Amino acid sequence: MQFFVSVAVMPITTIIIVLIGVLLNNSNMNNRVNDVMAHIGALRAEIDRRFAAIERRLDSVEAKIDLLIGKVIEFDNRLTRVEAHLGLK
């Protein structure tokens, strides 16, 4: 009888120890995954911030280009009037 008890107790004890190890390791892995997800969230926020800054800069450049195009068109109109007035064209 003692042999059967020892044969049954040893595997059950081993299984319990393994399950405890798995649960502890799983808890540690959950903490690591949460840390990685928090880091990814911070990186996404930083990327969004940088893209917003780039978008603002591009809007500013676009406004300057529009102003420059307007000045070129205005200069072309003045030059056309002067040419017409002087009969150069």
Protein backbone atom coordinates (compact mmCIF):
# COMPACT_ATOMS: atom_id res chain seq x y z
CA MET A 1 0.00 0.00 0.00
CA GLN A 2 2.82 2.39 0.85
CA PHE A 3 4.33 1.78 -2.59
CA PHE A 4 1.13 2.82 -4.32
CA VAL A 5 0.86 5.96 -2.20
CA SER A 6 4.43 6.98 -2.98
CA VAL A 7 3.93 6.26 -6.69
CA ALA A 8 0.75 8.39 -6.74
CA VAL A 9 2.06 11.24 -4.55
CA MET A 10 5.30 11.92 -6.44
CA PRO A 11 3.71 12.66 -9.86
CA ILE A 12 0.95 14.73 -8.25
CA THR A 13 3.54 16.73 -6.31
CA THR A 14 5.57 17.25 -9.49
CA ILE A 15 2.47 18.39 -11.38
CA ILE A 16 1.58 20.85 -8.61
CA ILE A 17 5.12 22.28 -8.57
CA VAL A 18 5.12 22.63 -12.36
CA LEU A 19 1.71 24.35 -12.30
CA ILE A 20 2.93 26.81 -9.66
CA GLY A 21 5.97 27.56 -11.82
CA VAL A 22 3.79 28.08 -14.89
CA LEU A 23 1.49 30.45 -13.01
CA LEU A 24 4.40 32.48 -11.66
CA ASN A 25 6.04 32.61 -15.09
CA ASN A 26 2.74 33.61 -16.70
CA SER A 27 2.35 36.46 -14.22
CA ASN A 28 5.88 37.64 -15.02
CA MET A 29 5.17 37.43 -18.74
CA ASN A 30 1.99 39.48 -18.32
CA ASN A 31 4.00 42.19 -16.58
CA ARG A 32 6.55 42.17 -19.42
CA VAL A 33 3.84 42.33 -22.07
CA ASN A 34 2.22 45.25 -20.28
CA ASP A 35 5.58 47.04 -20.14
CA VAL A 36 6.12 46.50 -23.87
CA MET A 37 2.60 47.68 -24.69
CA ALA A 38 3.12 50.83 -22.60
CA HIS A 39 6.39 51.50 -24.41
CA ILE A 40 4.72 51.00 -27.78
CA GLY A 41 1.96 53.43 -26.75
CA ALA A 42 4.58 56.03 -25.80
CA LEU A 43 6.35 55.55 -29.12
CA ARG A 44 3.09 55.96 -31.03
CA ALA A 45 2.36 59.20 -29.17
CA GLU A 46 5.83 60.49 -30.01
CA ILE A 47 5.41 59.55 -33.68
CA ASP A 48 2.00 61.28 -33.78
CA ARG A 49 3.54 64.39 -32.22
CA ARG A 50 6.34 64.45 -34.78
CA PHE A 51 3.98 63.93 -37.70
CA ALA A 52 1.82 66.79 -36.45
CA ALA A 53 4.91 69.02 -36.31
CA ILE A 54 5.86 68.00 -39.85
CA GLU A 55 2.32 68.69 -41.04
CA ARG A 56 2.43 72.18 -39.50
CA ARG A 57 5.75 72.86 -41.22
CA LEU A 58 4.42 71.65 -44.56
CA ASP A 59 1.35 73.88 -44.18
CA SER A 60 3.65 76.82 -43.52
CA VAL A 61 5.77 76.00 -46.57
CA GLU A 62 2.63 75.62 -48.69
CA ALA A 63 1.41 79.06 -47.58
CA LYS A 64 4.77 80.58 -48.46
CA ILE A 65 4.74 78.91 -51.88
CA ASP A 66 1.22 80.21 -52.52
CA LEU A 67 2.38 83.72 -51.56
CA LEU A 68 5.39 83.40 -53.86
CA ILE A 69 3.22 82.20 -56.75
CA GLY A 70 0.90 85.15 -56.18
CA LYS A 71 3.85 87.55 -56.31
CA VAL A 72 5.15 85.95 -59.54
CA ILE A 73 1.70 86.24 -61.14
CA GLU A 74 1.47 89.86 -60.00
CA PHE A 75 4.93 90.58 -61.44
CA ASP A 76 3.98 88.87 -64.72
CA ASN A 77 0.83 91.01 -64.99
CA ARG A 78 2.80 94.20 -64.38
CA LEU A 79 5.43 93.18 -66.92
CA THR A 80 2.73 92.39 -69.48
CA ARG A 81 1.17 95.83 -68.97
CA VAL A 82 4.56 97.55 -69.33
CA GLU A 83 5.32 95.59 -72.51
CA ALA A 84 1.89 96.47 -73.89
CA HIS A 85 2.36 100.13 -72.97
CA LEU A 86 5.75 100.28 -74.63
CA GLY A 87 4.61 98.23 -77.61
CA LEU A 88 7.26 95.57 -77.06
CA LYS A 89 4.98 92.69 -77.73
